[in-house]
């Protein structure tokens, strides 16, 4: 049966179709990886820019708060008070790092990498 020209042509056509399908799947996978990489990189850049802007805002607010507190206690006590407040905030952020950072990042990456298009 396989020796007839019709069967050989059908088998060759089937192999061509399968090869074309596999090539399309490879291209689709490449495009999916590129799209998800772009989303991930843009999210990282946005987070970095927001971090820089927040640091600038926090610096300006700290200087203003230090001068405001200094009118009552003096500049040294005002600086120490702000340092204590930042130390307490740092401890709170460290203790809550899983809730504040790890879980949202895992959710974001899971949603990004496992989403179906």
PDB file of N, CA and C in Angstrom:
ATOM      1  N   UNK A   1       0.797  -1.202   0.000  1.00  0.00           N
ATOM      2  CA  UNK A   1       0.000   0.000   0.000  1.00  0.00           C
ATOM      3  C   UNK A   1       0.843   1.271   0.000  1.00  0.00           C
ATOM      4  N   UNK A   2       1.905   1.279   0.793  1.00  0.00           N
ATOM      5  CA  UNK A   2       2.736   2.468   0.853  1.00  0.00           C
ATOM      6  C   UNK A   2       3.588   2.643  -0.392  1.00  0.00           C
ATOM      7  N   UNK A   3       3.635   1.657  -1.225  1.00  0.00           N
ATOM      8  CA  UNK A   3       4.466   1.758  -2.416  1.00  0.00           C
ATOM      9  C   UNK A   3       3.806   2.567  -3.523  1.00  0.00           C
ATOM     10  N   UNK A   4       2.525   2.815  -3.435  1.00  0.00           N
ATOM     11  CA  UNK A   4       1.875   3.587  -4.487  1.00  0.00           C
ATOM     12  C   UNK A   4       2.268   5.053  -4.375  1.00  0.00           C
ATOM     13  N   UNK A   5       2.281   5.740  -5.511  1.00  0.00           N
ATOM     14  CA  UNK A   5       2.686   7.145  -5.560  1.00  0.00           C
ATOM     15  C   UNK A   5       1.739   8.039  -4.769  1.00  0.00           C
ATOM     16  N   UNK A   6       0.482   7.697  -4.755  1.00  0.00           N
ATOM     17  CA  UNK A   6      -0.513   8.504  -4.043  1.00  0.00           C
ATOM     18  C   UNK A   6      -0.244   8.500  -2.534  1.00  0.00           C
ATOM     19  N   UNK A   7       0.070   7.345  -1.983  1.00  0.00           N
ATOM     20  CA  UNK A   7       0.357   7.252  -0.551  1.00  0.00           C
ATOM     21  C   UNK A   7       1.658   7.957  -0.181  1.00  0.00           C
ATOM     22  N   UNK A   8       2.661   7.837  -1.045  1.00  0.00           N
ATOM     23  CA  UNK A   8       3.943   8.501  -0.809  1.00  0.00           C
ATOM     24  C   UNK A   8       3.753  10.018  -0.832  1.00  0.00           C
ATOM     25  N   UNK A   9       2.978  10.514  -1.791  1.00  0.00           N
ATOM     26  CA  UNK A   9       2.711  11.947  -1.869  1.00  0.00           C
ATOM     27  C   UNK A   9       1.930  12.431  -0.644  1.00  0.00           C
ATOM     28  N   UNK A  10       0.973  11.651  -0.201  1.00  0.00           N
ATOM     29  CA  UNK A  10       0.193  12.031   0.982  1.00  0.00           C
ATOM     30  C   UNK A  10       1.068  12.066   2.221  1.00  0.00           C
ATOM     31  N   UNK A  11       1.964  11.090   2.336  1.00  0.00           N
ATOM     32  CA  UNK A  11       2.877  11.055   3.481  1.00  0.00           C
ATOM     33  C   UNK A  11       3.852  12.230   3.436  1.00  0.00           C
ATOM     34  N   UNK A  12       4.355  12.560   2.266  1.00  0.00           N
ATOM     35  CA  UNK A  12       5.269  13.694   2.124  1.00  0.00           C
ATOM     36  C   UNK A  12       4.549  14.995   2.463  1.00  0.00           C
ATOM     37  N   UNK A  13       3.305  15.119   2.001  1.00  0.00           N
ATOM     38  CA  UNK A  13       2.512  16.313   2.315  1.00  0.00           C
ATOM     39  C   UNK A  13       2.256  16.410   3.824  1.00  0.00           C
ATOM     40  N   UNK A  14       1.950  15.278   4.450  1.00  0.00           N
ATOM     41  CA  UNK A  14       1.729  15.251   5.892  1.00  0.00           C
ATOM     42  C   UNK A  14       2.976  15.672   6.652  1.00  0.00           C
ATOM     43  N   UNK A  15       4.129  15.202   6.221  1.00  0.00           N
ATOM     44  CA  UNK A  15       5.386  15.587   6.870  1.00  0.00           C
ATOM     45  C   UNK A  15       5.670  17.078   6.679  1.00  0.00           C
ATOM     46  N   UNK A  16       5.347  17.608   5.494  1.00  0.00           N
ATOM     47  CA  UNK A  16       5.515  19.045   5.265  1.00  0.00           C
ATOM     48  C   UNK A  16       4.605  19.869   6.175  1.00  0.00           C
ATOM     49  N   UNK A  17       3.370  19.421   6.324  1.00  0.00           N
ATOM     50  CA  UNK A  17       2.415  20.126   7.187  1.00  0.00           C
ATOM     51  C   UNK A  17       2.877  20.078   8.638  1.00  0.00           C
ATOM     52  N   UNK A  18       3.359  18.926   9.079  1.00  0.00           N
ATOM     53  CA  UNK A  18       3.851  18.800  10.463  1.00  0.00           C
ATOM     54  C   UNK A  18       5.064  19.696  10.680  1.00  0.00           C
ATOM     55  N   UNK A  19       5.986  19.732   9.732  1.00  0.00           N
ATOM     56  CA  UNK A  19       7.167  20.590   9.848  1.00  0.00           C
ATOM     57  C   UNK A  19       6.753  22.065   9.903  1.00  0.00           C
ATOM     58  N   UNK A  20       5.801  22.447   9.065  1.00  0.00           N
ATOM     59  CA  UNK A  20       5.311  23.831   9.078  1.00  0.00           C
ATOM     60  C   UNK A  20       4.647  24.162  10.415  1.00  0.00           C
ATOM     61  N   UNK A  21       3.835  23.237  10.939  1.00  0.00           N
ATOM     62  CA  UNK A  21       3.174  23.428  12.232  1.00  0.00           C
ATOM     63  C   UNK A  21       4.203  23.603  13.346  1.00  0.00           C
ATOM     64  N   UNK A  22       5.224  22.761  13.355  1.00  0.00           N
ATOM     65  CA  UNK A  22       6.262  22.874  14.390  1.00  0.00           C
ATOM     66  C   UNK A  22       7.010  24.205  14.281  1.00  0.00           C
ATOM     67  N   UNK A  23       7.261  24.643  13.041  1.00  0.00           N
ATOM     68  CA  UNK A  23       7.898  25.950  12.855  1.00  0.00           C
ATOM     69  C   UNK A  23       7.033  27.079  13.393  1.00  0.00           C
ATOM     70  N   UNK A  24       5.726  27.015  13.163  1.00  0.00           N
ATOM     71  CA  UNK A  24       4.811  28.027  13.693  1.00  0.00           C
ATOM     72  C   UNK A  24       4.773  28.002  15.217  1.00  0.00           C
ATOM     73  N   UNK A  25       4.805  26.808  15.796  1.00  0.00           N
ATOM     74  CA  UNK A  25       4.805  26.699  17.271  1.00  0.00           C
ATOM     75  C   UNK A  25       6.075  27.312  17.853  1.00  0.00           C
ATOM     76  N   UNK A  26       7.206  27.103  17.198  1.00  0.00           N
ATOM     77  CA  UNK A  26       8.463  27.696  17.663  1.00  0.00           C
ATOM     78  C   UNK A  26       8.382  29.216  17.591  1.00  0.00           C
ATOM     79  N   UNK A  27       7.869  29.750  16.503  1.00  0.00           N
ATOM     80  CA  UNK A  27       7.722  31.200  16.367  1.00  0.00           C
ATOM     81  C   UNK A  27       6.770  31.756  17.425  1.00  0.00           C
ATOM     82  N   UNK A  28       5.672  31.068  17.672  1.00  0.00           N
ATOM     83  CA  UNK A  28       4.716  31.499  18.696  1.00  0.00           C
ATOM     84  C   UNK A  28       5.372  31.508  20.071  1.00  0.00           C
ATOM     85  N   UNK A  29       6.162  30.497  20.362  1.00  0.00           N
ATOM     86  CA  UNK A  29       6.856  30.437  21.652  1.00  0.00           C
ATOM     87  C   UNK A  29       7.851  31.580  21.781  1.00  0.00           C
ATOM     88  N   UNK A  30       8.576  31.866  20.729  1.00  0.00           N
ATOM     89  CA  UNK A  30       9.523  32.993  20.753  1.00  0.00           C
ATOM     90  C   UNK A  30       8.799  34.312  21.004  1.00  0.00           C
ATOM     91  N   UNK A  31       7.692  34.535  20.297  1.00  0.00           N
ATOM     92  CA  UNK A  31       6.934  35.771  20.474  1.00  0.00           C
ATOM     93  C   UNK A  31       6.344  35.872  21.879  1.00  0.00           C
ATOM     94  N   UNK A  32       5.891  34.761  22.433  1.00  0.00           N
ATOM     95  CA  UNK A  32       5.353  34.758  23.789  1.00  0.00           C
ATOM     96  C   UNK A  32       6.444  35.106  24.797  1.00  0.00           C
ATOM     97  N   UNK A  33       7.625  34.532  24.622  1.00  0.00           N
ATOM     98  CA  UNK A  33       8.748  34.825  25.523  1.00  0.00           C
ATOM     99  C   UNK A  33       9.139  36.297  25.425  1.00  0.00           C
ATOM    100  N   UNK A  34       9.156  36.838  24.225  1.00  0.00           N
ATOM    101  CA  UNK A  34       9.501  38.247  24.044  1.00  0.00           C
ATOM    102  C   UNK A  34       8.458  39.146  24.711  1.00  0.00           C
ATOM    103  N   UNK A  35       7.188  38.840  24.522  1.00  0.00           N
ATOM    104  CA  UNK A  35       6.128  39.662  25.113  1.00  0.00           C
ATOM    105  C   UNK A  35       6.193  39.630  26.634  1.00  0.00           C
ATOM    106  N   UNK A  36       6.417  38.472  27.203  1.00  0.00           N
ATOM    107  CA  UNK A  36       6.479  38.369  28.665  1.00  0.00           C
ATOM    108  C   UNK A  36       7.750  39.017  29.201  1.00  0.00           C
ATOM    109  N   UNK A  37       8.842  38.932  28.462  1.00  0.00           N
ATOM    110  CA  UNK A  37      10.077  39.595  28.879  1.00  0.00           C
ATOM    111  C   UNK A  37       9.913  41.110  28.876  1.00  0.00           C
ATOM    112  N   UNK A  38       9.241  41.627  27.867  1.00  0.00           N
ATOM    113  CA  UNK A  38       9.002  43.073  27.790  1.00  0.00           C
ATOM    114  C   UNK A  38       8.159  43.531  28.977  1.00  0.00           C
ATOM    115  N   UNK A  39       7.111  42.766  29.308  1.00  0.00           N
ATOM    116  CA  UNK A  39       6.285  43.124  30.464  1.00  0.00           C
ATOM    117  C   UNK A  39       7.099  43.109  31.746  1.00  0.00           C
ATOM    118  N   UNK A  40       7.935  42.099  31.900  1.00  0.00           N
ATOM    119  CA  UNK A  40       8.751  41.970  33.102  1.00  0.00           C
ATOM    120  C   UNK A  40       9.774  43.086  33.209  1.00  0.00           C
ATOM    121  N   UNK A  41      10.446  43.397  32.123  1.00  0.00           N
ATOM    122  CA  UNK A  41      11.454  44.456  32.134  1.00  0.00           C
ATOM    123  C   UNK A  41      10.802  45.818  32.360  1.00  0.00           C
ATOM    124  N   UNK A  42       9.655  46.065  31.734  1.00  0.00           N
ATOM    125  CA  UNK A  42       8.985  47.356  31.931  1.00  0.00           C
ATOM    126  C   UNK A  42       8.495  47.496  33.367  1.00  0.00           C
ATOM    127  N   UNK A  43       8.055  46.407  33.985  1.00  0.00           N
ATOM    128  CA  UNK A  43       7.650  46.463  35.396  1.00  0.00           C
ATOM    129  C   UNK A  43       8.846  46.749  36.283  1.00  0.00           C
ATOM    130  N   UNK A  44       9.996  46.168  35.974  1.00  0.00           N
ATOM    131  CA  UNK A  44      11.210  46.415  36.761  1.00  0.00           C
ATOM    132  C   UNK A  44      11.676  47.871  36.611  1.00  0.00           C
ATOM    133  N   UNK A  45      11.608  48.401  35.417  1.00  0.00           N
ATOM    134  CA  UNK A  45      12.009  49.794  35.193  1.00  0.00           C
ATOM    135  C   UNK A  45      11.053  50.738  35.918  1.00  0.00           C
ATOM    136  N   UNK A  46       9.763  50.461  35.837  1.00  0.00           N
ATOM    137  CA  UNK A  46       8.778  51.276  36.539  1.00  0.00           C
ATOM    138  C   UNK A  46       9.021  51.247  38.046  1.00  0.00           C
ATOM    139  N   UNK A  47       9.300  50.072  38.588  1.00  0.00           N
ATOM    140  CA  UNK A  47       9.570  49.965  40.026  1.00  0.00           C
ATOM    141  C   UNK A  47      10.815  50.751  40.402  1.00  0.00           C
ATOM    142  N   UNK A  48      11.845  50.716  39.574  1.00  0.00           N
ATOM    143  CA  UNK A  48      13.076  51.461  39.850  1.00  0.00           C
ATOM    144  C   UNK A  48      12.834  52.968  39.823  1.00  0.00           C
ATOM    145  N   UNK A  49      12.103  53.441  38.825  1.00  0.00           N
ATOM    146  CA  UNK A  49      11.803  54.876  38.729  1.00  0.00           C
ATOM    147  C   UNK A  49      10.950  55.322  39.917  1.00  0.00           C
ATOM    148  N   UNK A  50       9.960  54.525  40.271  1.00  0.00           N
ATOM    149  CA  UNK A  50       9.120  54.862  41.424  1.00  0.00           C
ATOM    150  C   UNK A  50       9.940  54.881  42.714  1.00  0.00           C
ATOM    151  N   UNK A  51      10.895  53.972  42.834  1.00  0.00           N
ATOM    152  CA  UNK A  51      11.764  53.948  44.008  1.00  0.00           C
ATOM    153  C   UNK A  51      12.607  55.216  44.086  1.00  0.00           C
ATOM    154  N   UNK A  52      13.148  55.646  42.961  1.00  0.00           N
ATOM    155  CA  UNK A  52      13.938  56.885  42.948  1.00  0.00           C
ATOM    156  C   UNK A  52      13.085  58.101  43.304  1.00  0.00           C
ATOM    157  N   UNK A  53      11.901  58.190  42.726  1.00  0.00           N
ATOM    158  CA  UNK A  53      11.023  59.320  43.032  1.00  0.00           C
ATOM    159  C   UNK A  53      10.585  59.303  44.493  1.00  0.00           C
ATOM    160  N   UNK A  54      10.286  58.126  45.014  1.00  0.00           N
ATOM    161  CA  UNK A  54       9.892  58.020  46.417  1.00  0.00           C
ATOM    162  C   UNK A  54      11.043  58.418  47.333  1.00  0.00           C
ATOM    163  N   UNK A  55      12.258  58.033  46.975  1.00  0.00           N
ATOM    164  CA  UNK A  55      13.416  58.415  47.779  1.00  0.00           C
ATOM    165  C   UNK A  55      13.593  59.936  47.792  1.00  0.00           C
ATOM    166  N   UNK A  56      13.404  60.576  46.657  1.00  0.00           N
ATOM    167  CA  UNK A  56      13.500  62.043  46.606  1.00  0.00           C
ATOM    168  C   UNK A  56      12.432  62.724  47.440  1.00  0.00           C
ATOM    169  N   UNK A  57      11.211  62.225  47.341  1.00  0.00           N
ATOM    170  CA  UNK A  57      10.111  62.789  48.126  1.00  0.00           C
ATOM    171  C   UNK A  57      10.379  62.597  49.616  1.00  0.00           C
ATOM    172  N   UNK A  58      10.830  61.395  49.973  1.00  0.00           N
ATOM    173  CA  UNK A  58      11.117  61.103  51.373  1.00  0.00           C
ATOM    174  C   UNK A  58      12.247  61.976  51.911  1.00  0.00           C
ATOM    175  N   UNK A  59      13.240  62.248  51.091  1.00  0.00           N
ATOM    176  CA  UNK A  59      14.336  63.130  51.504  1.00  0.00           C
ATOM    177  C   UNK A  59      13.820  64.541  51.772  1.00  0.00           C
ATOM    178  N   UNK A  60      13.006  65.066  50.878  1.00  0.00           N
ATOM    179  CA  UNK A  60      12.460  66.417  51.069  1.00  0.00           C
ATOM    180  C   UNK A  60      11.556  66.484  52.301  1.00  0.00           C
ATOM    181  N   UNK A  61      10.715  65.476  52.473  1.00  0.00           N
ATOM    182  CA  UNK A  61       9.857  65.454  53.654  1.00  0.00           C
ATOM    183  C   UNK A  61      10.663  65.327  54.938  1.00  0.00           C
ATOM    184  N   UNK A  62      11.754  64.583  54.889  1.00  0.00           N
ATOM    185  CA  UNK A  62      12.599  64.426  56.077  1.00  0.00           C
ATOM    186  C   UNK A  62      13.255  65.736  56.471  1.00  0.00           C
ATOM    187  N   UNK A  63      13.749  66.446  55.501  1.00  0.00           N
ATOM    188  CA  UNK A  63      14.386  67.737  55.805  1.00  0.00           C
ATOM    189  C   UNK A  63      13.352  68.708  56.377  1.00  0.00           C
ATOM    190  N   UNK A  64      12.172  68.742  55.762  1.00  0.00           N
ATOM    191  CA  UNK A  64      11.114  69.608  56.270  1.00  0.00           C
ATOM    192  C   UNK A  64      10.678  69.225  57.673  1.00  0.00           C
ATOM    193  N   UNK A  65      10.528  67.925  57.916  1.00  0.00           N
ATOM    194  CA  UNK A  65      10.135  67.469  59.247  1.00  0.00           C
ATOM    195  C   UNK A  65      11.218  67.758  60.268  1.00  0.00           C
ATOM    196  N   UNK A  66      12.478  67.616  59.890  1.00  0.00           N
ATOM    197  CA  UNK A  66      13.579  67.904  60.822  1.00  0.00           C
ATOM    198  C   UNK A  66      13.570  69.377  61.219  1.00  0.00           C
ATOM    199  N   UNK A  67      13.370  70.259  60.260  1.00  0.00           N
ATOM    200  CA  UNK A  67      13.322  71.682  60.592  1.00  0.00           C
ATOM    201  C   UNK A  67      12.098  72.017  61.431  1.00  0.00           C
ATOM    202  N   UNK A  68      10.998  71.362  61.145  1.00  0.00           N
ATOM    203  CA  UNK A  68       9.778  71.613  61.911  1.00  0.00           C
ATOM    204  C   UNK A  68       9.934  71.134  63.358  1.00  0.00           C
ATOM    205  N   UNK A  69      10.490  69.941  63.534  1.00  0.00           N
ATOM    206  CA  UNK A  69      10.711  69.429  64.887  1.00  0.00           C
ATOM    207  C   UNK A  69      11.796  70.238  65.591  1.00  0.00           C
ATOM    208  N   UNK A  70      12.766  70.750  64.835  1.00  0.00           N
ATOM    209  CA  UNK A  70      13.867  71.516  65.413  1.00  0.00           C
ATOM    210  C   UNK A  70      13.392  72.803  66.072  1.00  0.00           C
ATOM    211  N   UNK A  71      12.254  73.339  65.651  1.00  0.00           N
ATOM    212  CA  UNK A  71      11.763  74.568  66.286  1.00  0.00           C
ATOM    213  C   UNK A  71      11.368  74.317  67.732  1.00  0.00           C
ATOM    214  N   UNK A  72      11.075  73.058  68.068  1.00  0.00           N
ATOM    215  CA  UNK A  72      10.673  72.716  69.427  1.00  0.00           C
ATOM    216  C   UNK A  72      11.818  72.109  70.233  1.00  0.00           C
ATOM    217  N   UNK A  73      12.549  71.159  69.656  1.00  0.00           N
ATOM    218  CA  UNK A  73      13.539  70.393  70.409  1.00  0.00           C
ATOM    219  C   UNK A  73      14.979  70.714  70.071  1.00  0.00           C
ATOM    220  N   UNK A  74      15.261  71.311  68.988  1.00  0.00           N
ATOM    221  CA  UNK A  74      16.636  71.512  68.535  1.00  0.00           C
ATOM    222  C   UNK A  74      16.936  70.557  67.387  1.00  0.00           C
ATOM    223  N   UNK A  75      17.935  70.913  66.596  1.00  0.00           N
ATOM    224  CA  UNK A  75      18.211  70.168  65.365  1.00  0.00           C
ATOM    225  C   UNK A  75      18.735  68.762  65.640  1.00  0.00           C
ATOM    226  N   UNK A  76      19.544  68.596  66.694  1.00  0.00           N
ATOM    227  CA  UNK A  76      20.097  67.270  66.980  1.00  0.00           C
ATOM    228  C   UNK A  76      18.994  66.315  67.418  1.00  0.00           C
ATOM    229  N   UNK A  77      18.140  66.753  68.311  1.00  0.00           N
ATOM    230  CA  UNK A  77      17.046  65.898  68.756  1.00  0.00           C
ATOM    231  C   UNK A  77      16.066  65.614  67.605  1.00  0.00           C
ATOM    232  N   UNK A  78      15.859  66.573  66.749  1.00  0.00           N
ATOM    233  CA  UNK A  78      14.975  66.372  65.598  1.00  0.00           C
ATOM    234  C   UNK A  78      15.553  65.316  64.663  1.00  0.00           C
ATOM    235  N   UNK A  79      16.846  65.382  64.421  1.00  0.00           N
ATOM    236  CA  UNK A  79      17.494  64.392  63.551  1.00  0.00           C
ATOM    237  C   UNK A  79      17.445  63.005  64.176  1.00  0.00           C
ATOM    238  N   UNK A  80      17.691  62.931  65.475  1.00  0.00           N
ATOM    239  CA  UNK A  80      17.628  61.643  66.160  1.00  0.00           C
ATOM    240  C   UNK A  80      16.203  61.082  66.169  1.00  0.00           C
ATOM    241  N   UNK A  81      15.223  61.944  66.321  1.00  0.00           N
ATOM    242  CA  UNK A  81      13.821  61.503  66.293  1.00  0.00           C
ATOM    243  C   UNK A  81      13.473  60.914  64.926  1.00  0.00           C
ATOM    244  N   UNK A  82      13.859  61.594  63.876  1.00  0.00           N
ATOM    245  CA  UNK A  82      13.591  61.074  62.530  1.00  0.00           C
ATOM    246  C   UNK A  82      14.347  59.771  62.272  1.00  0.00           C
ATOM    247  N   UNK A  83      15.584  59.683  62.761  1.00  0.00           N
ATOM    248  CA  UNK A  83      16.344  58.442  62.599  1.00  0.00           C
ATOM    249  C   UNK A  83      15.638  57.298  63.327  1.00  0.00           C
ATOM    250  N   UNK A  84      15.105  57.563  64.504  1.00  0.00           N
ATOM    251  CA  UNK A  84      14.354  56.541  65.243  1.00  0.00           C
ATOM    252  C   UNK A  84      13.091  56.118  64.505  1.00  0.00           C
ATOM    253  N   UNK A  85      12.394  57.086  63.934  1.00  0.00           N
ATOM    254  CA  UNK A  85      11.184  56.766  63.161  1.00  0.00           C
ATOM    255  C   UNK A  85      11.544  55.901  61.955  1.00  0.00           C
ATOM    256  N   UNK A  86      12.633  56.230  61.256  1.00  0.00           N
ATOM    257  CA  UNK A  86      13.050  55.432  60.114  1.00  0.00           C
ATOM    258  C   UNK A  86      13.519  54.050  60.535  1.00  0.00           C
ATOM    259  N   UNK A  87      14.148  53.940  61.697  1.00  0.00           N
ATOM    260  CA  UNK A  87      14.569  52.638  62.196  1.00  0.00           C
ATOM    261  C   UNK A  87      13.356  51.753  62.488  1.00  0.00           C
ATOM    262  N   UNK A  88      12.348  52.324  63.121  1.00  0.00           N
ATOM    263  CA  UNK A  88      11.123  51.572  63.397  1.00  0.00           C
ATOM    264  C   UNK A  88      10.443  51.160  62.087  1.00  0.00           C
ATOM    265  N   UNK A  89      10.388  52.072  61.116  1.00  0.00           N
ATOM    266  CA  UNK A  89       9.794  51.748  59.811  1.00  0.00           C
ATOM    267  C   UNK A  89      10.582  50.647  59.114  1.00  0.00           C
ATOM    268  N   UNK A  90      11.904  50.695  59.227  1.00  0.00           N
ATOM    269  CA  UNK A  90      12.746  49.677  58.606  1.00  0.00           C
ATOM    270  C   UNK A  90      12.506  48.309  59.245  1.00  0.00           C
ATOM    271  N   UNK A  91      12.356  48.257  60.547  1.00  0.00           N
ATOM    272  CA  UNK A  91      12.081  46.997  61.238  1.00  0.00           C
ATOM    273  C   UNK A  91      10.715  46.452  60.820  1.00  0.00           C
ATOM    274  N   UNK A  92       9.726  47.325  60.715  1.00  0.00           N
ATOM    275  CA  UNK A  92       8.385  46.891  60.289  1.00  0.00           C
ATOM    276  C   UNK A  92       8.425  46.334  58.875  1.00  0.00           C
ATOM    277  N   UNK A  93       9.119  47.006  57.985  1.00  0.00           N
ATOM    278  CA  UNK A  93       9.222  46.528  56.595  1.00  0.00           C
ATOM    279  C   UNK A  93       9.974  45.202  56.549  1.00  0.00           C
ATOM    280  N   UNK A  94      11.034  45.068  57.344  1.00  0.00           N
ATOM    281  CA  UNK A  94      11.789  43.817  57.348  1.00  0.00           C
ATOM    282  C   UNK A  94      10.940  42.665  57.866  1.00  0.00           C
ATOM    283  N   UNK A  95      10.210  42.896  58.937  1.00  0.00           N
ATOM    284  CA  UNK A  95       9.380  41.828  59.497  1.00  0.00           C
ATOM    285  C   UNK A  95       8.208  41.467  58.579  1.00  0.00           C
ATOM    286  N   UNK A  96       7.725  42.428  57.816  1.00  0.00           N
ATOM    287  CA  UNK A  96       6.609  42.171  56.914  1.00  0.00           C
ATOM    288  C   UNK A  96       7.032  41.990  55.478  1.00  0.00           C
ATOM    289  N   UNK A  97       8.269  41.624  55.249  1.00  0.00           N
ATOM    290  CA  UNK A  97       8.782  41.527  53.873  1.00  0.00           C
ATOM    291  C   UNK A  97       8.028  40.511  53.029  1.00  0.00           C
ATOM    292  N   UNK A  98       7.577  39.413  53.630  1.00  0.00           N
ATOM    293  CA  UNK A  98       6.830  38.419  52.849  1.00  0.00           C
ATOM    294  C   UNK A  98       5.499  39.004  52.383  1.00  0.00           C
ATOM    295  N   UNK A  99       4.827  39.710  53.267  1.00  0.00           N
ATOM    296  CA  UNK A  99       3.517  40.282  52.919  1.00  0.00           C
ATOM    297  C   UNK A  99       3.677  41.450  51.954  1.00  0.00           C
ATOM    298  N   UNK A 100       4.690  42.283  52.180  1.00  0.00           N
ATOM    299  CA  UNK A 100       4.854  43.497  51.376  1.00  0.00           C
ATOM    300  C   UNK A 100       5.516  43.245  50.020  1.00  0.00           C
ATOM    301  N   UNK A 101       6.452  42.294  49.954  1.00  0.00           N
ATOM    302  CA  UNK A 101       7.243  42.137  48.733  1.00  0.00           C
ATOM    303  C   UNK A 101       7.148  40.756  48.101  1.00  0.00           C
ATOM    304  N   UNK A 102       7.438  39.707  48.868  1.00  0.00           N
ATOM    305  CA  UNK A 102       7.557  38.376  48.271  1.00  0.00           C
ATOM    306  C   UNK A 102       6.251  37.886  47.656  1.00  0.00           C
ATOM    307  N   UNK A 103       5.172  37.932  48.396  1.00  0.00           N
ATOM    308  CA  UNK A 103       3.896  37.420  47.872  1.00  0.00           C
ATOM    309  C   UNK A 103       3.396  38.203  46.663  1.00  0.00           C
ATOM    310  N   UNK A 104       3.429  39.547  46.693  1.00  0.00           N
ATOM    311  CA  UNK A 104       2.994  40.261  45.477  1.00  0.00           C
ATOM    312  C   UNK A 104       3.874  39.976  44.261  1.00  0.00           C
ATOM    313  N   UNK A 105       5.180  39.831  44.474  1.00  0.00           N
ATOM    314  CA  UNK A 105       6.065  39.536  43.349  1.00  0.00           C
ATOM    315  C   UNK A 105       5.785  38.142  42.807  1.00  0.00           C
ATOM    316  N   UNK A 106       5.579  37.171  43.695  1.00  0.00           N
ATOM    317  CA  UNK A 106       5.265  35.808  43.246  1.00  0.00           C
ATOM    318  C   UNK A 106       3.942  35.801  42.490  1.00  0.00           C
ATOM    319  N   UNK A 107       2.926  36.531  42.997  1.00  0.00           N
ATOM    320  CA  UNK A 107       1.641  36.596  42.294  1.00  0.00           C
ATOM    321  C   UNK A 107       1.800  37.224  40.912  1.00  0.00           C
ATOM    322  N   UNK A 108       2.553  38.318  40.852  1.00  0.00           N
ATOM    323  CA  UNK A 108       2.759  39.005  39.576  1.00  0.00           C
ATOM    324  C   UNK A 108       3.466  38.101  38.573  1.00  0.00           C
ATOM    325  N   UNK A 109       4.554  37.461  38.992  1.00  0.00           N
ATOM    326  CA  UNK A 109       5.296  36.603  38.079  1.00  0.00           C
ATOM    327  C   UNK A 109       4.492  35.374  37.672  1.00  0.00           C
ATOM    328  N   UNK A 110       3.741  34.807  38.616  1.00  0.00           N
ATOM    329  CA  UNK A 110       2.914  33.648  38.277  1.00  0.00           C
ATOM    330  C   UNK A 110       1.857  34.023  37.263  1.00  0.00           C
ATOM    331  N   UNK A 111       1.203  35.162  37.491  1.00  0.00           N
ATOM    332  CA  UNK A 111       0.160  35.601  36.548  1.00  0.00           C
ATOM    333  C   UNK A 111       0.774  35.908  35.181  1.00  0.00           C
ATOM    334  N   UNK A 112       1.945  36.530  35.181  1.00  0.00           N
ATOM    335  CA  UNK A 112       2.587  36.904  33.922  1.00  0.00           C
ATOM    336  C   UNK A 112       3.060  35.679  33.157  1.00  0.00           C
ATOM    337  N   UNK A 113       3.727  34.771  33.825  1.00  0.00           N
ATOM    338  CA  UNK A 113       4.349  33.649  33.126  1.00  0.00           C
ATOM    339  C   UNK A 113       3.372  32.505  32.816  1.00  0.00           C
ATOM    340  N   UNK A 114       2.295  32.398  33.573  1.00  0.00           N
ATOM    341  CA  UNK A 114       1.382  31.281  33.351  1.00  0.00           C
ATOM    342  C   UNK A 114       0.087  31.682  32.662  1.00  0.00           C
ATOM    343  N   UNK A 115      -0.050  32.965  32.264  1.00  0.00           N
ATOM    344  CA  UNK A 115      -1.287  33.387  31.628  1.00  0.00           C
ATOM    345  C   UNK A 115      -1.393  32.774  30.232  1.00  0.00           C
ATOM    346  N   UNK A 116      -2.607  32.485  29.854  1.00  0.00           N
ATOM    347  CA  UNK A 116      -2.884  31.945  28.522  1.00  0.00           C
ATOM    348  C   UNK A 116      -3.334  33.093  27.626  1.00  0.00           C
ATOM    349  N   UNK A 117      -2.800  33.115  26.422  1.00  0.00           N
ATOM    350  CA  UNK A 117      -3.159  34.210  25.496  1.00  0.00           C
ATOM    351  C   UNK A 117      -4.372  33.851  24.699  1.00  0.00           C
TER     352      UNK A 117
END
